[in-house]
Amino acid sequence: QLPKLLRQEKGRGLQNASGALASALRWATGVLVPANAEDFRRSSLRLMECSPTSQGMRLLFLSFSIGAVLAAQGDELHMTFAGSGLRYWAVILQSGDCFKILYDVDGISSLQEALSRQHKLRSDGWLTRKDLAMWLGALDTLAFGLSEDELEDALLTVFLFGFWASKMLTPQVRIKRFEGQSRSSQVQAALVEDVPCEALGKLLQTLTEEAQK
């Protein structure tokens, strides 16, 4: 249903394909990842171990709460722990043996910016399994790590992946009210397989063009 949903989102005045896709994927993640979904580690391992398929694309929908709220303030990125925090989303798209990490966080990184950084990191815009393993490991640390030093690096890797390959000024991370032993994070996942390539092919081409701007 993504192509139909994307047409609806474009019709609401969103200016580019990445903005429409972010809105559509946010909705799809909420539908596909129920509150009782399995822990993301099992689905992530299944994705990492799957051989490339000619049957179509795989999409791993992730919904996660890290017990904190993120906010950009000047050249600083603040991570404030309070209750369950906000819920964030990400979608990993696999095509063959290549990957894209799709996410959009208000005030931190738009989907277009995320894809632009990935394009600067890899000239064709597609990430490797090693890249994906780095991101998934950072997400695990961000959600369940018990030290502030671990969280600082993980936060930048998860929400600004590929920043080291771009010319952007790396923000300073400020962590507030962190109590490692009382964390209440959740990361849940839903893996969708055999998504027809034609369903997203034209969109991915448009996203690539936007990322190169």
N, C-alpha and C. Protein backbone atom coordinates (compact mmCIF):
# COMPACT_ATOMS: atom_id res chain seq x y z
N GLN A 1 0.81 -1.21 0.00
CA GLN A 1 0.00 0.00 0.00
C GLN A 1 0.84 1.27 0.00
N LEU A 2 2.17 1.13 0.05
CA LEU A 2 3.02 2.33 0.14
C LEU A 2 2.84 3.28 -1.04
N PRO A 3 2.83 2.80 -2.30
CA PRO A 3 2.66 3.75 -3.41
C PRO A 3 1.39 4.58 -3.27
N LYS A 4 0.26 3.94 -2.89
CA LYS A 4 -1.00 4.67 -2.71
C LYS A 4 -0.87 5.68 -1.58
N LEU A 5 -0.24 5.26 -0.48
CA LEU A 5 -0.09 6.14 0.67
C LEU A 5 0.80 7.33 0.32
N LEU A 6 1.82 7.09 -0.47
CA LEU A 6 2.73 8.16 -0.88
C LEU A 6 2.01 9.20 -1.73
N ARG A 7 1.13 8.74 -2.61
CA ARG A 7 0.37 9.68 -3.43
C ARG A 7 -0.52 10.56 -2.54
N GLN A 8 -1.09 9.95 -1.50
CA GLN A 8 -1.92 10.72 -0.58
C GLN A 8 -1.10 11.77 0.15
N GLU A 9 0.10 11.37 0.61
CA GLU A 9 0.94 12.30 1.36
C GLU A 9 1.44 13.44 0.46
N LYS A 10 1.78 13.12 -0.78
CA LYS A 10 2.21 14.17 -1.71
C LYS A 10 1.08 15.15 -1.95
N GLY A 11 -0.16 14.63 -1.96
CA GLY A 11 -1.30 15.48 -2.18
C GLY A 11 -1.59 16.42 -1.03
N ARG A 12 -0.98 16.19 0.11
CA ARG A 12 -1.19 17.05 1.27
C ARG A 12 -0.22 18.22 1.32
N GLY A 13 0.54 18.39 0.23
CA GLY A 13 1.39 19.57 0.14
C GLY A 13 2.83 19.36 0.55
N LEU A 14 3.22 18.13 0.83
CA LEU A 14 4.63 17.89 1.15
C LEU A 14 5.45 18.10 -0.11
N GLN A 15 6.58 18.78 0.03
CA GLN A 15 7.27 19.31 -1.15
C GLN A 15 8.14 18.30 -1.88
N ASN A 16 8.59 17.24 -1.21
CA ASN A 16 9.50 16.33 -1.89
C ASN A 16 9.18 14.88 -1.56
N ALA A 17 9.83 13.98 -2.29
CA ALA A 17 9.56 12.55 -2.11
C ALA A 17 9.96 12.07 -0.73
N SER A 18 11.06 12.59 -0.21
CA SER A 18 11.52 12.13 1.11
C SER A 18 10.55 12.56 2.20
N GLY A 19 9.97 13.75 2.09
CA GLY A 19 8.98 14.19 3.07
C GLY A 19 7.74 13.31 3.03
N ALA A 20 7.30 12.96 1.83
CA ALA A 20 6.13 12.09 1.69
C ALA A 20 6.43 10.70 2.22
N LEU A 21 7.63 10.18 1.91
CA LEU A 21 7.99 8.84 2.36
C LEU A 21 8.10 8.80 3.88
N ALA A 22 8.69 9.82 4.49
CA ALA A 22 8.82 9.84 5.95
C ALA A 22 7.46 9.77 6.61
N SER A 23 6.50 10.54 6.11
CA SER A 23 5.16 10.55 6.67
C SER A 23 4.49 9.19 6.49
N ALA A 24 4.67 8.59 5.31
CA ALA A 24 4.07 7.29 5.04
C ALA A 24 4.68 6.20 5.90
N LEU A 25 5.99 6.21 6.05
CA LEU A 25 6.66 5.17 6.83
C LEU A 25 6.36 5.30 8.31
N ARG A 26 6.22 6.53 8.79
CA ARG A 26 5.84 6.72 10.19
C ARG A 26 4.49 6.05 10.47
N TRP A 27 3.56 6.26 9.55
CA TRP A 27 2.24 5.63 9.69
C TRP A 27 2.35 4.12 9.59
N ALA A 28 3.08 3.62 8.60
CA ALA A 28 3.20 2.17 8.40
C ALA A 28 3.86 1.50 9.59
N THR A 29 4.85 2.14 10.19
CA THR A 29 5.52 1.56 11.35
C THR A 29 4.55 1.42 12.51
N GLY A 30 3.71 2.43 12.71
CA GLY A 30 2.73 2.36 13.77
C GLY A 30 1.74 1.23 13.58
N VAL A 31 1.43 0.91 12.32
CA VAL A 31 0.48 -0.15 12.02
C VAL A 31 1.14 -1.53 12.10
N LEU A 32 2.36 -1.64 11.59
CA LEU A 32 3.00 -2.94 11.44
C LEU A 32 3.71 -3.43 12.70
N VAL A 33 4.06 -2.52 13.59
CA VAL A 33 4.81 -2.92 14.79
C VAL A 33 3.90 -2.76 16.01
N PRO A 34 3.19 -3.82 16.39
CA PRO A 34 2.29 -3.73 17.54
C PRO A 34 3.05 -3.66 18.85
N ALA A 35 2.35 -3.31 19.91
CA ALA A 35 2.99 -3.16 21.22
C ALA A 35 3.61 -4.46 21.71
N ASN A 36 3.09 -5.60 21.25
CA ASN A 36 3.62 -6.88 21.70
C ASN A 36 4.56 -7.52 20.68
N ALA A 37 5.10 -6.71 19.78
CA ALA A 37 6.03 -7.23 18.77
C ALA A 37 7.27 -7.82 19.43
N GLU A 38 7.92 -8.73 18.73
CA GLU A 38 9.11 -9.37 19.29
C GLU A 38 10.25 -8.39 19.40
N ASP A 39 11.20 -8.72 20.25
CA ASP A 39 12.39 -7.89 20.43
C ASP A 39 13.12 -7.75 19.09
N PHE A 40 13.66 -6.58 18.84
CA PHE A 40 14.23 -6.30 17.52
C PHE A 40 15.48 -7.11 17.22
N ARG A 41 16.15 -7.64 18.24
CA ARG A 41 17.40 -8.36 17.98
C ARG A 41 17.17 -9.58 17.11
N ARG A 42 16.07 -10.27 17.35
CA ARG A 42 15.79 -11.47 16.57
C ARG A 42 15.53 -11.12 15.11
N SER A 43 14.72 -10.10 14.87
CA SER A 43 14.42 -9.69 13.49
C SER A 43 15.65 -9.12 12.81
N SER A 44 16.46 -8.36 13.56
CA SER A 44 17.68 -7.78 12.99
C SER A 44 18.65 -8.88 12.57
N LEU A 45 18.79 -9.89 13.43
CA LEU A 45 19.69 -11.01 13.11
C LEU A 45 19.20 -11.74 11.87
N ARG A 46 17.89 -11.92 11.78
CA ARG A 46 17.32 -12.60 10.61
C ARG A 46 17.62 -11.81 9.34
N LEU A 47 17.49 -10.49 9.41
CA LEU A 47 17.78 -9.65 8.25
C LEU A 47 19.26 -9.74 7.88
N MET A 48 20.14 -9.67 8.87
CA MET A 48 21.58 -9.69 8.60
C MET A 48 22.03 -11.03 8.02
N GLU A 49 21.36 -12.11 8.42
CA GLU A 49 21.78 -13.44 7.97
C GLU A 49 21.11 -13.87 6.68
N CYS A 50 20.07 -13.14 6.25
CA CYS A 50 19.36 -13.50 5.03
C CYS A 50 20.24 -13.28 3.80
N SER A 51 20.20 -14.22 2.90
CA SER A 51 20.90 -14.06 1.64
C SER A 51 20.13 -13.11 0.74
N PRO A 52 20.82 -12.41 -0.18
CA PRO A 52 20.11 -11.56 -1.13
C PRO A 52 19.07 -12.38 -1.89
N THR A 53 17.94 -11.78 -2.17
CA THR A 53 16.87 -12.48 -2.87
C THR A 53 16.48 -11.75 -4.14
N SER A 54 16.09 -12.50 -5.14
CA SER A 54 15.60 -11.90 -6.39
C SER A 54 14.09 -11.73 -6.35
N GLN A 55 13.46 -12.13 -5.22
CA GLN A 55 12.01 -12.08 -5.13
C GLN A 55 11.48 -10.68 -4.83
N GLY A 56 12.34 -9.80 -4.34
CA GLY A 56 11.89 -8.46 -4.00
C GLY A 56 12.72 -7.89 -2.87
N MET A 57 12.27 -6.79 -2.29
CA MET A 57 12.99 -6.11 -1.22
C MET A 57 12.50 -6.61 0.14
N ARG A 58 13.34 -6.40 1.15
CA ARG A 58 12.95 -6.63 2.54
C ARG A 58 12.94 -5.29 3.26
N LEU A 59 11.97 -5.12 4.14
CA LEU A 59 11.90 -3.91 4.95
C LEU A 59 11.76 -4.31 6.41
N LEU A 60 12.64 -3.79 7.25
CA LEU A 60 12.57 -4.01 8.69
C LEU A 60 12.07 -2.73 9.33
N PHE A 61 10.84 -2.77 9.87
CA PHE A 61 10.23 -1.62 10.52
C PHE A 61 10.59 -1.66 12.01
N LEU A 62 11.12 -0.56 12.51
CA LEU A 62 11.54 -0.46 13.91
C LEU A 62 10.80 0.66 14.62
N SER A 63 10.28 0.36 15.78
CA SER A 63 9.64 1.35 16.62
C SER A 63 10.33 1.29 17.98
N PHE A 64 10.85 2.43 18.45
CA PHE A 64 11.63 2.35 19.68
C PHE A 64 11.45 3.57 20.57
N SER A 65 11.51 3.28 21.85
CA SER A 65 11.46 4.31 22.90
C SER A 65 12.70 4.11 23.76
N ILE A 66 13.49 5.16 23.92
CA ILE A 66 14.75 5.04 24.66
C ILE A 66 14.68 5.73 26.01
N GLY A 67 13.47 6.09 26.42
CA GLY A 67 13.29 6.71 27.72
C GLY A 67 13.80 8.14 27.78
N ALA A 68 13.89 8.79 26.64
CA ALA A 68 14.45 10.14 26.59
C ALA A 68 13.82 10.95 25.47
N VAL A 69 13.96 12.25 25.58
CA VAL A 69 13.51 13.18 24.54
C VAL A 69 14.74 13.86 23.95
N LEU A 70 14.80 13.94 22.63
CA LEU A 70 15.93 14.57 21.94
C LEU A 70 15.56 15.98 21.50
N ALA A 71 16.53 16.88 21.59
CA ALA A 71 16.31 18.25 21.14
C ALA A 71 17.63 18.87 20.73
N ALA A 72 17.64 19.54 19.58
CA ALA A 72 18.83 20.25 19.12
C ALA A 72 18.77 21.68 19.63
N GLN A 73 19.85 22.11 20.24
CA GLN A 73 19.95 23.49 20.74
C GLN A 73 21.29 24.07 20.29
N GLY A 74 21.22 24.86 19.22
CA GLY A 74 22.45 25.40 18.65
C GLY A 74 23.31 24.27 18.11
N ASP A 75 24.56 24.21 18.55
CA ASP A 75 25.47 23.15 18.11
C ASP A 75 25.52 22.01 19.11
N GLU A 76 24.49 21.90 19.94
CA GLU A 76 24.41 20.82 20.92
C GLU A 76 23.18 19.96 20.68
N LEU A 77 23.31 18.69 21.01
CA LEU A 77 22.20 17.75 20.91
C LEU A 77 21.90 17.26 22.32
N HIS A 78 20.73 17.61 22.84
CA HIS A 78 20.38 17.29 24.21
C HIS A 78 19.53 16.02 24.25
N MET A 79 19.86 15.14 25.18
CA MET A 79 19.13 13.90 25.40
C MET A 79 18.69 13.89 26.86
N THR A 80 17.41 14.17 27.08
CA THR A 80 16.89 14.33 28.43
C THR A 80 16.01 13.14 28.80
N PHE A 81 16.39 12.45 29.86
CA PHE A 81 15.64 11.28 30.30
C PHE A 81 14.49 11.71 31.19
N ALA A 82 13.29 11.25 30.82
CA ALA A 82 12.09 11.59 31.58
C ALA A 82 10.99 10.60 31.24
N GLY A 83 10.62 9.75 32.18
CA GLY A 83 9.56 8.77 31.94
C GLY A 83 9.92 7.83 30.81
N SER A 84 8.95 7.57 29.94
CA SER A 84 9.19 6.66 28.82
C SER A 84 9.77 7.40 27.61
N GLY A 85 9.78 8.74 27.65
CA GLY A 85 10.31 9.51 26.53
C GLY A 85 9.41 9.42 25.31
N LEU A 86 9.93 9.89 24.18
CA LEU A 86 9.18 9.83 22.93
C LEU A 86 9.45 8.51 22.21
N ARG A 87 8.56 8.17 21.27
CA ARG A 87 8.76 6.97 20.46
C ARG A 87 9.27 7.40 19.08
N TYR A 88 10.32 6.73 18.63
CA TYR A 88 10.94 7.03 17.35
C TYR A 88 10.77 5.83 16.41
N TRP A 89 11.03 6.06 15.12
CA TRP A 89 10.88 4.99 14.15
C TRP A 89 12.05 4.99 13.18
N ALA A 90 12.27 3.86 12.57
CA ALA A 90 13.26 3.73 11.50
C ALA A 90 12.86 2.53 10.65
N VAL A 91 13.21 2.57 9.38
CA VAL A 91 12.94 1.45 8.48
C VAL A 91 14.23 1.14 7.72
N ILE A 92 14.63 -0.12 7.77
CA ILE A 92 15.80 -0.57 7.02
C ILE A 92 15.30 -1.25 5.75
N LEU A 93 15.78 -0.79 4.62
CA LEU A 93 15.39 -1.33 3.32
C LEU A 93 16.55 -2.12 2.75
N GLN A 94 16.29 -3.37 2.41
CA GLN A 94 17.32 -4.22 1.80
C GLN A 94 16.96 -4.51 0.36
N SER A 95 17.89 -4.26 -0.54
CA SER A 95 17.75 -4.60 -1.94
C SER A 95 19.01 -5.35 -2.35
N GLY A 96 18.88 -6.62 -2.63
CA GLY A 96 20.07 -7.42 -2.90
C GLY A 96 20.93 -7.51 -1.65
N ASP A 97 22.18 -7.11 -1.77
CA ASP A 97 23.08 -7.13 -0.62
C ASP A 97 23.39 -5.71 -0.16
N CYS A 98 22.48 -4.77 -0.46
CA CYS A 98 22.68 -3.36 -0.12
C CYS A 98 21.51 -2.86 0.74
N PHE A 99 21.76 -1.78 1.48
CA PHE A 99 20.79 -1.33 2.47
C PHE A 99 20.67 0.20 2.48
N LYS A 100 19.50 0.67 2.89
CA LYS A 100 19.28 2.07 3.23
C LYS A 100 18.62 2.12 4.60
N ILE A 101 19.02 3.09 5.41
CA ILE A 101 18.42 3.28 6.73
C ILE A 101 17.58 4.55 6.66
N LEU A 102 16.27 4.39 6.80
CA LEU A 102 15.33 5.48 6.62
C LEU A 102 14.78 5.90 7.99
N TYR A 103 14.91 7.17 8.30
CA TYR A 103 14.36 7.71 9.55
C TYR A 103 14.21 9.21 9.42
N ASP A 104 13.39 9.78 10.28
CA ASP A 104 13.15 11.21 10.28
C ASP A 104 12.83 11.62 11.72
N VAL A 105 13.61 12.54 12.26
CA VAL A 105 13.42 12.99 13.64
C VAL A 105 13.32 14.51 13.62
N ASP A 106 12.19 15.01 14.05
CA ASP A 106 11.95 16.46 14.01
C ASP A 106 13.06 17.22 14.72
N GLY A 107 13.63 18.20 14.01
CA GLY A 107 14.65 19.05 14.60
C GLY A 107 16.04 18.45 14.66
N ILE A 108 16.15 17.15 14.34
CA ILE A 108 17.45 16.47 14.41
C ILE A 108 17.95 16.11 13.01
N SER A 109 17.14 15.37 12.29
CA SER A 109 17.52 14.95 10.94
C SER A 109 16.27 14.60 10.14
N SER A 110 16.11 15.22 8.99
CA SER A 110 15.04 14.84 8.08
C SER A 110 15.48 13.59 7.32
N LEU A 111 14.53 12.92 6.68
CA LEU A 111 14.87 11.74 5.88
C LEU A 111 15.81 12.12 4.75
N GLN A 112 15.57 13.26 4.12
CA GLN A 112 16.44 13.70 3.03
C GLN A 112 17.87 13.90 3.53
N GLU A 113 18.04 14.48 4.71
CA GLU A 113 19.37 14.67 5.27
C GLU A 113 20.02 13.34 5.61
N ALA A 114 19.23 12.40 6.13
CA ALA A 114 19.77 11.08 6.45
C ALA A 114 20.29 10.38 5.20
N LEU A 115 19.52 10.46 4.12
CA LEU A 115 19.93 9.82 2.87
C LEU A 115 21.12 10.54 2.24
N SER A 116 21.19 11.85 2.42
CA SER A 116 22.32 12.62 1.89
C SER A 116 23.62 12.19 2.57
N ARG A 117 23.57 11.99 3.89
CA ARG A 117 24.77 11.54 4.59
C ARG A 117 25.18 10.14 4.13
N GLN A 118 24.20 9.28 3.89
CA GLN A 118 24.52 7.94 3.42
C GLN A 118 25.13 7.98 2.02
N HIS A 119 24.68 8.94 1.22
CA HIS A 119 25.25 9.09 -0.13
C HIS A 119 26.68 9.58 -0.06
N LYS A 120 26.98 10.44 0.90
CA LYS A 120 28.36 10.91 1.06
C LYS A 120 29.26 9.80 1.59
N LEU A 121 28.69 8.91 2.39
CA LEU A 121 29.46 7.80 2.94
C LEU A 121 29.74 6.74 1.88
N ARG A 122 28.74 6.43 1.07
CA ARG A 122 28.88 5.44 -0.01
C ARG A 122 28.42 6.11 -1.31
N SER A 123 29.27 6.12 -2.30
CA SER A 123 29.02 6.93 -3.50
C SER A 123 27.71 6.57 -4.21
N ASP A 124 27.26 5.32 -4.09
CA ASP A 124 26.00 4.95 -4.74
C ASP A 124 24.81 5.11 -3.81
N GLY A 125 25.06 5.54 -2.57
CA GLY A 125 23.97 5.77 -1.63
C GLY A 125 23.48 4.53 -0.91
N TRP A 126 24.07 3.37 -1.23
CA TRP A 126 23.64 2.11 -0.60
C TRP A 126 24.69 1.67 0.41
N LEU A 127 24.22 1.30 1.61
CA LEU A 127 25.11 0.89 2.68
C LEU A 127 25.45 -0.59 2.59
N THR A 128 26.56 -0.96 3.21
CA THR A 128 26.99 -2.36 3.24
C THR A 128 26.46 -3.06 4.49
N ARG A 129 26.64 -4.37 4.55
CA ARG A 129 26.25 -5.11 5.75
C ARG A 129 27.05 -4.63 6.96
N LYS A 130 28.29 -4.28 6.75
CA LYS A 130 29.12 -3.78 7.85
C LYS A 130 28.55 -2.46 8.38
N ASP A 131 28.14 -1.59 7.47
CA ASP A 131 27.51 -0.33 7.89
C ASP A 131 26.25 -0.60 8.70
N LEU A 132 25.42 -1.52 8.20
CA LEU A 132 24.17 -1.82 8.89
C LEU A 132 24.43 -2.41 10.28
N ALA A 133 25.43 -3.29 10.36
CA ALA A 133 25.78 -3.88 11.66
C ALA A 133 26.21 -2.80 12.65
N MET A 134 26.93 -1.79 12.16
CA MET A 134 27.34 -0.68 13.02
C MET A 134 26.11 0.07 13.54
N TRP A 135 25.15 0.35 12.65
CA TRP A 135 23.97 1.10 13.05
C TRP A 135 23.11 0.32 14.04
N LEU A 136 22.90 -0.97 13.75
CA LEU A 136 22.09 -1.79 14.64
C LEU A 136 22.74 -1.93 16.02
N GLY A 137 24.07 -2.07 16.04
CA GLY A 137 24.78 -2.13 17.32
C GLY A 137 24.64 -0.84 18.10
N ALA A 138 24.68 0.29 17.39
CA ALA A 138 24.52 1.58 18.06
C ALA A 138 23.11 1.73 18.61
N LEU A 139 22.09 1.26 17.87
CA LEU A 139 20.73 1.32 18.37
C LEU A 139 20.56 0.48 19.63
N ASP A 140 21.17 -0.68 19.64
CA ASP A 140 21.12 -1.54 20.83
C ASP A 140 21.74 -0.83 22.03
N THR A 141 22.89 -0.20 21.80
CA THR A 141 23.56 0.53 22.88
C THR A 141 22.75 1.73 23.33
N LEU A 142 22.18 2.46 22.36
CA LEU A 142 21.39 3.64 22.70
C LEU A 142 20.19 3.26 23.57
N ALA A 143 19.60 2.12 23.28
CA ALA A 143 18.41 1.71 24.03
C ALA A 143 18.75 1.07 25.37
N PHE A 144 19.85 0.32 25.43
CA PHE A 144 20.09 -0.50 26.62
C PHE A 144 21.44 -0.26 27.29
N GLY A 145 22.23 0.67 26.77
CA GLY A 145 23.53 0.97 27.37
C GLY A 145 23.39 1.55 28.77
N LEU A 146 24.41 1.34 29.59
CA LEU A 146 24.35 1.75 30.99
C LEU A 146 25.35 2.83 31.35
N SER A 147 26.09 3.34 30.36
CA SER A 147 27.04 4.41 30.65
C SER A 147 26.83 5.58 29.70
N GLU A 148 27.05 6.78 30.19
CA GLU A 148 26.84 7.99 29.38
C GLU A 148 27.80 8.04 28.20
N ASP A 149 29.03 7.59 28.38
CA ASP A 149 30.00 7.62 27.28
C ASP A 149 29.52 6.77 26.11
N GLU A 150 28.94 5.61 26.40
CA GLU A 150 28.42 4.75 25.34
C GLU A 150 27.26 5.44 24.62
N LEU A 151 26.42 6.09 25.39
CA LEU A 151 25.23 6.71 24.80
C LEU A 151 25.59 7.85 23.87
N GLU A 152 26.61 8.63 24.20
CA GLU A 152 26.99 9.77 23.36
C GLU A 152 27.33 9.32 21.95
N ASP A 153 28.21 8.32 21.83
CA ASP A 153 28.60 7.82 20.51
C ASP A 153 27.42 7.17 19.79
N ALA A 154 26.63 6.39 20.55
CA ALA A 154 25.50 5.69 19.94
C ALA A 154 24.46 6.66 19.41
N LEU A 155 24.21 7.72 20.14
CA LEU A 155 23.21 8.71 19.72
C LEU A 155 23.58 9.32 18.37
N LEU A 156 24.83 9.71 18.22
CA LEU A 156 25.27 10.31 16.95
C LEU A 156 25.21 9.30 15.81
N THR A 157 25.58 8.06 16.10
CA THR A 157 25.58 7.03 15.05
C THR A 157 24.16 6.71 14.60
N VAL A 158 23.22 6.61 15.52
CA VAL A 158 21.84 6.24 15.17
C VAL A 158 21.14 7.35 14.41
N PHE A 159 21.22 8.58 14.91
CA PHE A 159 20.41 9.65 14.35
C PHE A 159 21.15 10.55 13.36
N LEU A 160 22.47 10.40 13.27
CA LEU A 160 23.24 11.18 12.28
C LEU A 160 24.21 10.26 11.55
N PHE A 161 23.75 9.06 11.20
CA PHE A 161 24.65 8.06 10.63
C PHE A 161 25.36 8.59 9.39
N GLY A 162 26.69 8.41 9.38
CA GLY A 162 27.50 8.87 8.26
C GLY A 162 28.00 10.29 8.42
N PHE A 163 27.78 10.90 9.60
CA PHE A 163 28.19 12.30 9.80
C PHE A 163 29.68 12.48 9.59
N TRP A 164 30.46 11.43 9.87
CA TRP A 164 31.91 11.53 9.75
C TRP A 164 32.37 11.66 8.29
N ALA A 165 31.49 11.34 7.34
CA ALA A 165 31.84 11.45 5.93
C ALA A 165 31.37 12.76 5.33
N SER A 166 30.65 13.55 6.09
CA SER A 166 30.14 14.83 5.59
C SER A 166 30.93 15.97 6.21
N LYS A 167 30.63 17.18 5.77
CA LYS A 167 31.34 18.36 6.27
C LYS A 167 30.60 19.02 7.44
N MET A 168 29.58 18.35 7.94
CA MET A 168 28.78 18.94 9.01
C MET A 168 29.59 19.01 10.30
N LEU A 169 29.30 20.01 11.10
CA LEU A 169 29.92 20.16 12.40
C LEU A 169 29.27 19.17 13.35
N THR A 170 30.07 18.29 13.93
CA THR A 170 29.52 17.28 14.82
C THR A 170 29.01 17.94 16.10
N PRO A 171 27.73 17.77 16.41
CA PRO A 171 27.19 18.43 17.61
C PRO A 171 27.73 17.80 18.90
N GLN A 172 27.81 18.61 19.94
CA GLN A 172 28.15 18.11 21.26
C GLN A 172 26.90 17.49 21.89
N VAL A 173 27.07 16.31 22.47
CA VAL A 173 25.94 15.63 23.09
C VAL A 173 25.90 15.96 24.58
N ARG A 174 24.72 16.38 25.04
CA ARG A 174 24.50 16.66 26.45
C ARG A 174 23.44 15.70 26.97
N ILE A 175 23.79 14.90 27.95
CA ILE A 175 22.86 13.92 28.51
C ILE A 175 22.42 14.39 29.89
N LYS A 176 21.10 14.40 30.10
CA LYS A 176 20.55 14.92 31.34
C LYS A 176 19.68 13.87 32.03
N ARG A 177 19.77 13.82 33.35
CA ARG A 177 18.93 12.98 34.21
C ARG A 177 19.07 11.50 33.90
N PHE A 178 20.26 11.06 33.53
CA PHE A 178 20.45 9.65 33.16
C PHE A 178 20.69 8.80 34.40
N GLU A 179 19.92 7.73 34.51
CA GLU A 179 20.09 6.74 35.57
C GLU A 179 20.08 5.37 34.92
N GLY A 180 21.29 4.85 34.68
CA GLY A 180 21.44 3.64 33.89
C GLY A 180 20.69 2.43 34.40
N GLN A 181 20.59 2.27 35.72
CA GLN A 181 19.98 1.06 36.26
C GLN A 181 18.46 1.08 36.23
N SER A 182 17.87 2.20 35.87
CA SER A 182 16.41 2.28 35.87
C SER A 182 15.86 2.60 34.48
N ARG A 183 16.53 2.13 33.44
CA ARG A 183 16.08 2.40 32.09
C ARG A 183 14.82 1.59 31.75
N SER A 184 13.98 2.15 30.90
CA SER A 184 12.73 1.48 30.51
C SER A 184 12.57 1.54 28.99
N SER A 185 13.62 1.19 28.28
CA SER A 185 13.60 1.28 26.82
C SER A 185 12.87 0.09 26.20
N GLN A 186 12.38 0.32 25.00
CA GLN A 186 11.77 -0.73 24.19
C GLN A 186 12.19 -0.53 22.74
N VAL A 187 12.56 -1.63 22.09
CA VAL A 187 12.83 -1.59 20.65
C VAL A 187 12.13 -2.80 20.05
N GLN A 188 11.17 -2.55 19.17
CA GLN A 188 10.37 -3.63 18.60
C GLN A 188 10.42 -3.55 17.09
N ALA A 189 10.17 -4.69 16.46
CA ALA A 189 10.41 -4.76 15.02
C ALA A 189 9.38 -5.63 14.31
N ALA A 190 9.24 -5.37 13.02
CA ALA A 190 8.44 -6.22 12.14
C ALA A 190 9.18 -6.30 10.80
N LEU A 191 9.46 -7.51 10.36
CA LEU A 191 10.18 -7.73 9.11
C LEU A 191 9.18 -8.10 8.01
N VAL A 192 9.19 -7.32 6.93
CA VAL A 192 8.31 -7.57 5.79
C VAL A 192 9.18 -8.00 4.62
N GLU A 193 8.87 -9.13 4.03
CA GLU A 193 9.71 -9.69 2.96
C GLU A 193 8.97 -9.69 1.63
N ASP A 194 9.77 -9.82 0.57
CA ASP A 194 9.26 -9.95 -0.79
C ASP A 194 8.39 -8.78 -1.22
N VAL A 195 8.82 -7.57 -0.87
CA VAL A 195 8.14 -6.37 -1.35
C VAL A 195 8.55 -6.16 -2.81
N PRO A 196 7.62 -6.09 -3.75
CA PRO A 196 7.99 -5.97 -5.17
C PRO A 196 8.87 -4.76 -5.43
N CYS A 197 9.94 -4.96 -6.17
CA CYS A 197 10.88 -3.86 -6.45
C CYS A 197 10.19 -2.71 -7.17
N GLU A 198 9.21 -3.03 -8.04
CA GLU A 198 8.56 -1.98 -8.81
C GLU A 198 7.72 -1.07 -7.91
N ALA A 199 7.38 -1.54 -6.72
CA ALA A 199 6.57 -0.73 -5.81
C ALA A 199 7.34 0.47 -5.30
N LEU A 200 8.66 0.34 -5.19
CA LEU A 200 9.48 1.41 -4.63
C LEU A 200 10.58 1.89 -5.57
N GLY A 201 10.72 1.23 -6.73
CA GLY A 201 11.84 1.55 -7.62
C GLY A 201 11.91 3.00 -8.04
N LYS A 202 10.78 3.54 -8.54
CA LYS A 202 10.77 4.94 -9.01
C LYS A 202 10.99 5.89 -7.85
N LEU A 203 10.41 5.56 -6.69
CA LEU A 203 10.58 6.41 -5.52
C LEU A 203 12.04 6.46 -5.10
N LEU A 204 12.71 5.31 -5.10
CA LEU A 204 14.12 5.27 -4.69
C LEU A 204 14.99 6.10 -5.64
N GLN A 205 14.65 6.08 -6.92
CA GLN A 205 15.38 6.90 -7.88
C GLN A 205 15.22 8.38 -7.55
N THR A 206 14.00 8.78 -7.21
CA THR A 206 13.74 10.18 -6.85
C THR A 206 14.46 10.55 -5.57
N LEU A 207 14.45 9.65 -4.59
CA LEU A 207 15.15 9.91 -3.33
C LEU A 207 16.65 10.08 -3.55
N THR A 208 17.20 9.25 -4.43
CA THR A 208 18.63 9.37 -4.75
C THR A 208 18.95 10.73 -5.34
N GLU A 209 18.10 11.19 -6.25
CA GLU A 209 18.30 12.51 -6.86
C GLU A 209 18.22 13.61 -5.81
N GLU A 210 17.27 13.49 -4.88
CA GLU A 210 17.16 14.50 -3.81
C GLU A 210 18.38 14.48 -2.90
N ALA A 211 18.88 13.28 -2.60
CA ALA A 211 20.04 13.15 -1.70
C ALA A 211 21.29 13.76 -2.28
N GLN A 212 21.36 13.83 -3.62
CA GLN A 212 22.55 14.37 -4.28
C GLN A 212 22.55 15.89 -4.35
N LYS A 213 21.44 16.52 -4.00
CA LYS A 213 21.35 17.99 -4.11
C LYS A 213 22.18 18.66 -3.02
